[in-house]
Amino acid sequence: MRRLPVFLLVESSKDMGEKSTANINQAITDLIVTLRQDPYALETMFVSIFVIDNQLHKILPLTPLEEVVLPTIGSSNADVINEGNVNEFNEIVKQELVKSTPLRKGDWKPLLFVFSESDRTNVIRYVEVSRFDRVAVFNSTNGSIYEVCYKQLSSFKELFCWTNYPIPPGVNIVL
C-alpha cells in the first residue's frame, strides 16, 4: 500500500507565549483526531513531527496515523529560525520518501503543515514547497489556517480530498 506522508513542522521560540504553545498543541491534536475519523487517512497516512528553532528536532518519525502518540510541544530558548535547519528538514524529507520503481509504486506526494505564530512564516521561504502536494500554515495567534497560496480555510478537513467519488457513466478514464 502506498503511504501518504504528512509532515508537521512546528516553529518554536522563546517569544512564544503559553497561549500560542497551547493553540499549537490543540491544533495538532485536532488535526490527528480529524484524520483518524477518515478511513482513507487511516489506511494511507503516516505522520512525522519536527520542531524547528535554532536546531531541527525530530519529535516523531514517519508513523502510521493509527499509531501516532502526540507529544506536548513547548516553547524553546531560540531567538531565530535558522535557514540551515530548514534545509536539513528538506533533506530529511527527501531521504524519507519512498520513490517509485518499475516494480512498485512509491509514496504519494507528501503534505506539509507549518505551525507558527504568523501567517507569513519565514520557514515557508526556505522549504522546498514543490516537494509537497499541499502546504498549509496554522497561525497560533489567531487560529487561522492558510494554504501557501494564502487562501484562508475554515478547517484542516478542507485540505483533504480523496479519490473515492463515483465516476459518472460515459466518462472514460485512461490509466
N, C-alpha and C. Protein backbone atom coordinates (compact mmCIF):
# COMPACT_ATOMS: atom_id res chain seq x y z
N MET A 1 0.85 -1.18 0.00
CA MET A 1 0.00 0.00 0.00
C MET A 1 0.89 1.24 0.00
N ARG A 2 0.53 2.22 -0.81
CA ARG A 2 1.27 3.48 -0.86
C ARG A 2 1.00 4.33 0.37
N ARG A 3 2.04 4.98 0.84
CA ARG A 3 1.90 5.85 2.00
C ARG A 3 1.62 7.28 1.54
N LEU A 4 0.89 8.01 2.37
CA LEU A 4 0.74 9.45 2.19
C LEU A 4 1.43 10.10 3.38
N PRO A 5 2.70 10.53 3.20
CA PRO A 5 3.43 11.15 4.31
C PRO A 5 2.89 12.54 4.62
N VAL A 6 2.73 12.82 5.90
CA VAL A 6 2.28 14.13 6.36
C VAL A 6 3.33 14.62 7.34
N PHE A 7 3.94 15.74 7.01
CA PHE A 7 4.98 16.31 7.86
C PHE A 7 4.43 17.53 8.59
N LEU A 8 4.61 17.55 9.91
CA LEU A 8 4.22 18.69 10.72
C LEU A 8 5.50 19.38 11.16
N LEU A 9 5.64 20.64 10.82
CA LEU A 9 6.82 21.42 11.16
C LEU A 9 6.39 22.55 12.08
N VAL A 10 6.85 22.50 13.34
CA VAL A 10 6.42 23.45 14.36
C VAL A 10 7.54 24.44 14.62
N GLU A 11 7.26 25.72 14.42
CA GLU A 11 8.22 26.76 14.77
C GLU A 11 8.13 27.00 16.27
N SER A 12 9.30 27.13 16.89
CA SER A 12 9.33 27.36 18.33
C SER A 12 10.36 28.43 18.64
N SER A 13 10.03 29.30 19.58
CA SER A 13 10.98 30.33 20.00
C SER A 13 10.66 30.74 21.43
N LYS A 14 11.60 31.48 22.03
CA LYS A 14 11.37 31.91 23.41
C LYS A 14 10.29 32.99 23.50
N ASP A 15 9.95 33.59 22.35
CA ASP A 15 8.92 34.63 22.34
C ASP A 15 7.50 34.06 22.34
N MET A 16 7.38 32.77 22.10
CA MET A 16 6.04 32.16 22.08
C MET A 16 5.47 32.14 23.49
N GLY A 17 4.27 32.63 23.60
CA GLY A 17 3.61 32.62 24.90
C GLY A 17 2.93 31.28 25.15
N GLU A 18 2.44 31.11 26.35
CA GLU A 18 1.73 29.87 26.70
C GLU A 18 0.51 29.66 25.82
N LYS A 19 -0.17 30.76 25.49
CA LYS A 19 -1.37 30.64 24.65
C LYS A 19 -1.03 30.10 23.27
N SER A 20 0.04 30.63 22.64
CA SER A 20 0.44 30.15 21.32
C SER A 20 0.84 28.68 21.37
N THR A 21 1.61 28.33 22.38
CA THR A 21 2.03 26.93 22.53
C THR A 21 0.82 26.02 22.73
N ALA A 22 -0.11 26.45 23.58
CA ALA A 22 -1.33 25.65 23.80
C ALA A 22 -2.15 25.54 22.52
N ASN A 23 -2.25 26.64 21.76
CA ASN A 23 -3.01 26.61 20.50
C ASN A 23 -2.38 25.65 19.49
N ILE A 24 -1.05 25.63 19.43
CA ILE A 24 -0.37 24.71 18.50
C ILE A 24 -0.64 23.27 18.91
N ASN A 25 -0.50 22.96 20.19
CA ASN A 25 -0.76 21.60 20.65
C ASN A 25 -2.21 21.19 20.38
N GLN A 26 -3.14 22.11 20.59
CA GLN A 26 -4.55 21.81 20.34
C GLN A 26 -4.81 21.61 18.85
N ALA A 27 -4.18 22.43 18.00
CA ALA A 27 -4.37 22.31 16.55
C ALA A 27 -3.84 20.97 16.05
N ILE A 28 -2.68 20.55 16.55
CA ILE A 28 -2.12 19.26 16.15
C ILE A 28 -3.05 18.13 16.60
N THR A 29 -3.55 18.22 17.81
CA THR A 29 -4.50 17.21 18.31
C THR A 29 -5.74 17.18 17.43
N ASP A 30 -6.30 18.36 17.11
CA ASP A 30 -7.49 18.43 16.26
C ASP A 30 -7.23 17.81 14.89
N LEU A 31 -6.07 18.10 14.32
CA LEU A 31 -5.72 17.54 13.01
C LEU A 31 -5.69 16.02 13.07
N ILE A 32 -5.02 15.46 14.06
CA ILE A 32 -4.91 14.00 14.17
C ILE A 32 -6.27 13.37 14.43
N VAL A 33 -7.06 13.97 15.30
CA VAL A 33 -8.40 13.44 15.60
C VAL A 33 -9.26 13.46 14.34
N THR A 34 -9.21 14.56 13.59
CA THR A 34 -9.98 14.68 12.34
C THR A 34 -9.56 13.60 11.36
N LEU A 35 -8.27 13.42 11.18
CA LEU A 35 -7.77 12.43 10.23
C LEU A 35 -8.13 11.01 10.64
N ARG A 36 -8.12 10.74 11.93
CA ARG A 36 -8.44 9.38 12.41
C ARG A 36 -9.90 9.01 12.17
N GLN A 37 -10.73 9.98 11.87
CA GLN A 37 -12.14 9.71 11.57
C GLN A 37 -12.34 9.34 10.11
N ASP A 38 -11.30 9.43 9.32
CA ASP A 38 -11.39 9.17 7.90
C ASP A 38 -10.74 7.83 7.57
N PRO A 39 -11.49 6.86 7.05
CA PRO A 39 -10.92 5.54 6.77
C PRO A 39 -9.79 5.57 5.74
N TYR A 40 -9.85 6.49 4.78
CA TYR A 40 -8.77 6.59 3.79
C TYR A 40 -7.48 7.08 4.44
N ALA A 41 -7.62 8.03 5.35
CA ALA A 41 -6.45 8.53 6.07
C ALA A 41 -5.84 7.42 6.93
N LEU A 42 -6.69 6.68 7.62
CA LEU A 42 -6.18 5.59 8.47
C LEU A 42 -5.44 4.54 7.66
N GLU A 43 -5.86 4.36 6.43
CA GLU A 43 -5.25 3.35 5.58
C GLU A 43 -3.91 3.79 5.00
N THR A 44 -3.73 5.07 4.74
CA THR A 44 -2.56 5.50 3.99
C THR A 44 -1.63 6.48 4.69
N MET A 45 -2.11 7.25 5.63
CA MET A 45 -1.30 8.34 6.18
C MET A 45 -0.26 7.89 7.19
N PHE A 46 0.91 8.51 7.06
CA PHE A 46 2.00 8.38 8.01
C PHE A 46 2.37 9.79 8.42
N VAL A 47 2.53 10.02 9.72
CA VAL A 47 2.76 11.36 10.25
C VAL A 47 4.15 11.46 10.85
N SER A 48 4.80 12.59 10.61
CA SER A 48 6.10 12.88 11.21
C SER A 48 6.05 14.30 11.77
N ILE A 49 6.63 14.51 12.95
CA ILE A 49 6.60 15.83 13.59
C ILE A 49 8.03 16.31 13.83
N PHE A 50 8.28 17.55 13.41
CA PHE A 50 9.56 18.22 13.65
C PHE A 50 9.30 19.53 14.36
N VAL A 51 10.20 19.90 15.27
CA VAL A 51 10.19 21.22 15.88
C VAL A 51 11.45 21.92 15.40
N ILE A 52 11.28 23.16 14.96
CA ILE A 52 12.42 23.91 14.48
C ILE A 52 12.58 25.19 15.29
N ASP A 53 13.78 25.38 15.78
CA ASP A 53 14.14 26.63 16.46
C ASP A 53 15.54 26.95 15.96
N ASN A 54 16.53 27.06 16.84
CA ASN A 54 17.88 27.24 16.32
C ASN A 54 18.49 25.89 15.94
N GLN A 55 17.72 24.81 16.13
CA GLN A 55 18.08 23.46 15.69
C GLN A 55 16.82 22.78 15.17
N LEU A 56 17.02 21.67 14.46
CA LEU A 56 15.89 20.88 13.99
C LEU A 56 15.77 19.65 14.88
N HIS A 57 14.58 19.42 15.42
CA HIS A 57 14.35 18.29 16.32
C HIS A 57 13.29 17.39 15.71
N LYS A 58 13.64 16.12 15.48
CA LYS A 58 12.64 15.16 15.01
C LYS A 58 11.96 14.59 16.25
N ILE A 59 10.69 14.94 16.42
CA ILE A 59 9.93 14.53 17.60
C ILE A 59 9.26 13.18 17.36
N LEU A 60 8.82 12.97 16.13
CA LEU A 60 8.13 11.73 15.77
C LEU A 60 8.54 11.34 14.35
N PRO A 61 9.15 10.16 14.17
CA PRO A 61 9.47 9.72 12.81
C PRO A 61 8.18 9.36 12.06
N LEU A 62 8.25 9.15 10.75
CA LEU A 62 7.06 8.76 10.00
C LEU A 62 6.43 7.54 10.65
N THR A 63 5.21 7.72 11.11
CA THR A 63 4.49 6.71 11.89
C THR A 63 3.09 6.57 11.32
N PRO A 64 2.58 5.33 11.20
CA PRO A 64 1.20 5.17 10.74
C PRO A 64 0.24 5.99 11.62
N LEU A 65 -0.73 6.64 10.99
CA LEU A 65 -1.65 7.53 11.69
C LEU A 65 -2.27 6.88 12.92
N GLU A 66 -2.67 5.62 12.79
CA GLU A 66 -3.34 4.96 13.93
C GLU A 66 -2.40 4.72 15.10
N GLU A 67 -1.08 4.78 14.89
CA GLU A 67 -0.11 4.54 15.96
C GLU A 67 0.48 5.82 16.54
N VAL A 68 0.07 6.97 16.03
CA VAL A 68 0.65 8.24 16.48
C VAL A 68 0.25 8.51 17.93
N VAL A 69 1.26 8.77 18.76
CA VAL A 69 1.06 9.24 20.13
C VAL A 69 1.64 10.65 20.16
N LEU A 70 0.78 11.62 20.40
CA LEU A 70 1.20 13.01 20.29
C LEU A 70 1.99 13.47 21.51
N PRO A 71 3.14 14.08 21.27
CA PRO A 71 3.89 14.68 22.37
C PRO A 71 3.32 16.07 22.66
N THR A 72 3.65 16.62 23.81
CA THR A 72 3.32 18.01 24.10
C THR A 72 4.51 18.84 23.67
N ILE A 73 4.25 19.83 22.86
CA ILE A 73 5.32 20.67 22.34
C ILE A 73 5.33 21.99 23.10
N GLY A 74 6.51 22.39 23.57
CA GLY A 74 6.66 23.63 24.33
C GLY A 74 7.48 24.65 23.56
N SER A 75 7.65 25.82 24.16
CA SER A 75 8.48 26.83 23.52
C SER A 75 9.95 26.52 23.82
N SER A 76 10.85 27.14 23.06
CA SER A 76 12.28 26.88 23.25
C SER A 76 12.98 28.17 23.64
N ASN A 77 14.29 28.10 23.75
CA ASN A 77 15.08 29.29 24.08
C ASN A 77 15.64 29.97 22.85
N ALA A 78 15.20 29.56 21.67
CA ALA A 78 15.75 30.09 20.43
C ALA A 78 15.24 31.49 20.14
N ASP A 79 16.11 32.28 19.50
CA ASP A 79 15.71 33.62 19.07
C ASP A 79 15.22 33.63 17.64
N VAL A 80 15.91 32.88 16.77
CA VAL A 80 15.67 32.97 15.34
C VAL A 80 15.64 31.58 14.73
N ILE A 81 14.81 31.41 13.72
CA ILE A 81 14.79 30.16 12.96
C ILE A 81 15.98 30.20 12.01
N ASN A 82 16.75 29.14 12.02
CA ASN A 82 17.96 29.06 11.22
C ASN A 82 17.64 28.46 9.85
N GLU A 83 18.00 29.16 8.77
CA GLU A 83 17.74 28.69 7.41
C GLU A 83 18.37 27.31 7.18
N GLY A 84 19.54 27.08 7.75
CA GLY A 84 20.22 25.79 7.60
C GLY A 84 19.39 24.64 8.16
N ASN A 85 18.65 24.89 9.22
CA ASN A 85 17.80 23.84 9.79
C ASN A 85 16.62 23.51 8.89
N VAL A 86 16.11 24.50 8.18
CA VAL A 86 15.04 24.24 7.22
C VAL A 86 15.60 23.42 6.06
N ASN A 87 16.82 23.73 5.63
CA ASN A 87 17.46 22.94 4.59
C ASN A 87 17.68 21.51 5.04
N GLU A 88 18.03 21.33 6.31
CA GLU A 88 18.17 19.97 6.88
C GLU A 88 16.83 19.24 6.82
N PHE A 89 15.75 19.95 7.13
CA PHE A 89 14.41 19.38 7.04
C PHE A 89 14.13 18.93 5.61
N ASN A 90 14.45 19.78 4.64
CA ASN A 90 14.25 19.42 3.22
C ASN A 90 14.98 18.13 2.87
N GLU A 91 16.20 17.97 3.34
CA GLU A 91 16.98 16.76 3.06
C GLU A 91 16.38 15.53 3.72
N ILE A 92 15.91 15.69 4.95
CA ILE A 92 15.29 14.55 5.65
C ILE A 92 14.05 14.10 4.90
N VAL A 93 13.22 15.05 4.47
CA VAL A 93 12.01 14.71 3.70
C VAL A 93 12.41 13.94 2.45
N LYS A 94 13.39 14.44 1.76
CA LYS A 94 13.86 13.81 0.52
C LYS A 94 14.31 12.36 0.78
N GLN A 95 15.01 12.15 1.88
CA GLN A 95 15.52 10.81 2.20
C GLN A 95 14.42 9.86 2.66
N GLU A 96 13.41 10.38 3.35
CA GLU A 96 12.38 9.52 3.94
C GLU A 96 11.31 9.07 2.94
N LEU A 97 11.21 9.77 1.83
CA LEU A 97 10.18 9.40 0.86
C LEU A 97 10.62 8.18 0.07
N VAL A 98 9.67 7.26 -0.11
CA VAL A 98 9.93 6.07 -0.91
C VAL A 98 9.60 6.42 -2.36
N LYS A 99 10.58 6.25 -3.23
CA LYS A 99 10.39 6.57 -4.64
C LYS A 99 9.80 5.38 -5.38
N SER A 100 9.08 5.66 -6.45
CA SER A 100 8.54 4.59 -7.29
C SER A 100 9.67 3.91 -8.06
N THR A 101 9.49 2.61 -8.27
CA THR A 101 10.41 1.83 -9.09
C THR A 101 9.55 1.09 -10.12
N PRO A 102 10.18 0.44 -11.09
CA PRO A 102 9.39 -0.34 -12.05
C PRO A 102 8.57 -1.45 -11.38
N LEU A 103 9.00 -1.87 -10.18
CA LEU A 103 8.31 -2.98 -9.51
C LEU A 103 7.26 -2.55 -8.49
N ARG A 104 7.35 -1.29 -8.01
CA ARG A 104 6.35 -0.86 -7.03
C ARG A 104 6.19 0.65 -7.03
N LYS A 105 5.00 1.06 -6.61
CA LYS A 105 4.69 2.48 -6.50
C LYS A 105 5.31 3.02 -5.22
N GLY A 106 5.80 4.24 -5.29
CA GLY A 106 6.36 4.90 -4.11
C GLY A 106 5.28 5.63 -3.34
N ASP A 107 5.72 6.48 -2.43
CA ASP A 107 4.80 7.28 -1.62
C ASP A 107 4.04 8.27 -2.50
N TRP A 108 2.88 8.67 -2.00
CA TRP A 108 2.16 9.78 -2.60
C TRP A 108 2.99 11.03 -2.30
N LYS A 109 2.74 12.10 -3.03
CA LYS A 109 3.43 13.36 -2.76
C LYS A 109 2.98 13.84 -1.38
N PRO A 110 3.94 14.17 -0.50
CA PRO A 110 3.58 14.45 0.90
C PRO A 110 2.86 15.78 1.10
N LEU A 111 2.30 15.91 2.30
CA LEU A 111 1.65 17.14 2.74
C LEU A 111 2.52 17.76 3.83
N LEU A 112 2.49 19.08 3.92
CA LEU A 112 3.24 19.78 4.96
C LEU A 112 2.32 20.75 5.68
N PHE A 113 2.37 20.68 7.01
CA PHE A 113 1.66 21.63 7.85
C PHE A 113 2.70 22.36 8.68
N VAL A 114 2.73 23.69 8.58
CA VAL A 114 3.64 24.50 9.37
C VAL A 114 2.81 25.17 10.46
N PHE A 115 3.26 25.04 11.70
CA PHE A 115 2.57 25.64 12.83
C PHE A 115 3.45 26.78 13.33
N SER A 116 2.91 28.00 13.33
CA SER A 116 3.70 29.19 13.57
C SER A 116 2.88 30.24 14.30
N GLU A 117 3.57 31.31 14.71
CA GLU A 117 2.86 32.44 15.31
C GLU A 117 2.44 33.47 14.27
N SER A 118 2.68 33.17 13.02
CA SER A 118 2.42 34.14 11.96
C SER A 118 1.86 33.45 10.72
N ASP A 119 1.02 34.15 9.97
CA ASP A 119 0.52 33.61 8.70
C ASP A 119 1.65 33.51 7.69
N ARG A 120 2.50 34.49 7.67
CA ARG A 120 3.56 34.56 6.66
C ARG A 120 4.90 34.20 7.31
N THR A 121 5.00 32.95 7.71
CA THR A 121 6.17 32.45 8.41
C THR A 121 7.41 32.45 7.53
N ASN A 122 8.55 32.71 8.12
CA ASN A 122 9.83 32.70 7.39
C ASN A 122 10.21 31.30 6.93
N VAL A 123 9.73 30.28 7.61
CA VAL A 123 10.08 28.90 7.25
C VAL A 123 9.67 28.61 5.81
N ILE A 124 8.50 29.08 5.39
CA ILE A 124 8.00 28.81 4.04
C ILE A 124 8.97 29.33 2.99
N ARG A 125 9.68 30.39 3.30
CA ARG A 125 10.63 30.95 2.36
C ARG A 125 11.72 29.94 1.98
N TYR A 126 12.06 29.03 2.90
CA TYR A 126 13.18 28.11 2.68
C TYR A 126 12.74 26.67 2.39
N VAL A 127 11.50 26.34 2.69
CA VAL A 127 11.03 24.98 2.44
C VAL A 127 10.90 24.76 0.94
N GLU A 128 11.32 23.60 0.48
CA GLU A 128 11.16 23.25 -0.94
C GLU A 128 9.70 22.88 -1.17
N VAL A 129 8.88 23.90 -1.34
CA VAL A 129 7.43 23.75 -1.43
C VAL A 129 7.04 22.81 -2.56
N SER A 130 7.80 22.81 -3.64
CA SER A 130 7.46 21.98 -4.80
C SER A 130 7.51 20.48 -4.47
N ARG A 131 8.18 20.12 -3.40
CA ARG A 131 8.28 18.72 -2.99
C ARG A 131 6.96 18.21 -2.38
N PHE A 132 6.08 19.14 -2.02
CA PHE A 132 4.85 18.79 -1.31
C PHE A 132 3.62 18.99 -2.20
N ASP A 133 2.62 18.13 -1.99
CA ASP A 133 1.37 18.27 -2.72
C ASP A 133 0.58 19.47 -2.21
N ARG A 134 0.53 19.62 -0.91
CA ARG A 134 -0.17 20.76 -0.31
C ARG A 134 0.65 21.24 0.87
N VAL A 135 0.65 22.54 1.08
CA VAL A 135 1.34 23.15 2.21
C VAL A 135 0.35 24.09 2.88
N ALA A 136 0.22 23.96 4.19
CA ALA A 136 -0.68 24.83 4.94
C ALA A 136 0.04 25.39 6.15
N VAL A 137 -0.36 26.58 6.55
CA VAL A 137 0.21 27.25 7.71
C VAL A 137 -0.90 27.46 8.72
N PHE A 138 -0.63 27.06 9.98
CA PHE A 138 -1.56 27.32 11.07
C PHE A 138 -0.97 28.46 11.89
N ASN A 139 -1.74 29.53 12.07
CA ASN A 139 -1.31 30.68 12.86
C ASN A 139 -1.82 30.48 14.29
N SER A 140 -0.88 30.30 15.23
CA SER A 140 -1.28 30.02 16.62
C SER A 140 -1.81 31.26 17.33
N THR A 141 -1.57 32.43 16.79
CA THR A 141 -2.04 33.65 17.42
C THR A 141 -3.54 33.83 17.25
N ASN A 142 -4.03 33.59 16.03
CA ASN A 142 -5.47 33.80 15.79
C ASN A 142 -6.22 32.54 15.37
N GLY A 143 -5.51 31.40 15.27
CA GLY A 143 -6.17 30.14 14.96
C GLY A 143 -6.52 29.95 13.50
N SER A 144 -6.04 30.82 12.62
CA SER A 144 -6.39 30.69 11.21
C SER A 144 -5.49 29.66 10.52
N ILE A 145 -6.02 29.10 9.43
CA ILE A 145 -5.30 28.12 8.64
C ILE A 145 -5.27 28.64 7.20
N TYR A 146 -4.09 28.64 6.59
CA TYR A 146 -3.93 29.11 5.23
C TYR A 146 -3.19 28.07 4.41
N GLU A 147 -3.57 27.94 3.14
CA GLU A 147 -2.72 27.21 2.22
C GLU A 147 -1.61 28.18 1.85
N VAL A 148 -0.51 27.64 1.30
CA VAL A 148 0.62 28.51 0.97
C VAL A 148 0.21 29.63 0.02
N CYS A 149 -0.81 29.40 -0.80
CA CYS A 149 -1.30 30.47 -1.65
C CYS A 149 -2.07 31.51 -0.82
N TYR A 150 -2.14 31.27 0.48
CA TYR A 150 -2.78 32.14 1.45
C TYR A 150 -4.28 32.28 1.26
N LYS A 151 -4.88 31.20 0.80
CA LYS A 151 -6.33 31.10 0.78
C LYS A 151 -6.73 30.65 2.19
N GLN A 152 -7.57 31.42 2.85
CA GLN A 152 -7.96 31.05 4.20
C GLN A 152 -8.92 29.87 4.16
N LEU A 153 -8.72 28.93 5.07
CA LEU A 153 -9.55 27.74 5.16
C LEU A 153 -10.32 27.78 6.47
N SER A 154 -11.44 27.08 6.51
CA SER A 154 -12.22 27.06 7.75
C SER A 154 -11.80 25.90 8.65
N SER A 155 -11.17 24.87 8.07
CA SER A 155 -10.72 23.74 8.89
C SER A 155 -9.65 22.96 8.15
N PHE A 156 -8.96 22.09 8.88
CA PHE A 156 -7.97 21.23 8.26
C PHE A 156 -8.62 20.30 7.24
N LYS A 157 -9.87 19.95 7.47
CA LYS A 157 -10.57 18.98 6.62
C LYS A 157 -10.62 19.42 5.15
N GLU A 158 -10.63 20.73 4.92
CA GLU A 158 -10.68 21.25 3.55
C GLU A 158 -9.45 20.88 2.74
N LEU A 159 -8.38 20.48 3.40
CA LEU A 159 -7.14 20.16 2.70
C LEU A 159 -7.10 18.74 2.17
N PHE A 160 -8.07 17.93 2.56
CA PHE A 160 -8.03 16.52 2.19
C PHE A 160 -9.16 16.17 1.24
N CYS A 161 -8.80 15.73 0.05
CA CYS A 161 -9.76 15.28 -0.94
C CYS A 161 -9.35 13.86 -1.31
N TRP A 162 -10.27 12.96 -1.25
CA TRP A 162 -9.96 11.57 -1.55
C TRP A 162 -10.59 11.20 -2.88
N THR A 163 -9.99 10.30 -3.56
CA THR A 163 -10.48 9.90 -4.89
C THR A 163 -11.44 8.73 -4.77
N ASN A 164 -12.44 8.90 -3.96
CA ASN A 164 -13.42 7.83 -3.76
C ASN A 164 -14.78 8.21 -4.33
N TYR A 165 -14.80 9.23 -5.18
CA TYR A 165 -16.06 9.66 -5.75
C TYR A 165 -16.40 8.79 -6.96
N PRO A 166 -17.67 8.46 -7.16
CA PRO A 166 -18.04 7.62 -8.30
C PRO A 166 -17.79 8.34 -9.63
N ILE A 167 -17.41 7.58 -10.62
CA ILE A 167 -17.19 8.12 -11.96
C ILE A 167 -18.53 8.08 -12.69
N PRO A 168 -18.96 9.23 -13.22
CA PRO A 168 -20.25 9.26 -13.91
C PRO A 168 -20.25 8.34 -15.14
N PRO A 169 -21.42 7.78 -15.49
CA PRO A 169 -21.49 6.93 -16.67
C PRO A 169 -21.08 7.68 -17.92
N GLY A 170 -20.40 6.99 -18.82
CA GLY A 170 -19.98 7.58 -20.08
C GLY A 170 -18.64 8.29 -20.04
N VAL A 171 -18.03 8.39 -18.84
CA VAL A 171 -16.72 9.04 -18.72
C VAL A 171 -15.66 7.95 -18.80
N ASN A 172 -14.74 8.11 -19.74
CA ASN A 172 -13.65 7.14 -19.90
C ASN A 172 -12.42 7.63 -19.16
N ILE A 173 -11.87 6.77 -18.33
CA ILE A 173 -10.66 7.08 -17.58
C ILE A 173 -9.54 6.22 -18.15
N VAL A 174 -8.46 6.85 -18.56
CA VAL A 174 -7.30 6.12 -19.09
C VAL A 174 -6.25 6.05 -18.01
N LEU A 175 -5.87 4.85 -17.63
CA LEU A 175 -4.82 4.68 -16.60
C LEU A 175 -3.54 4.23 -17.19
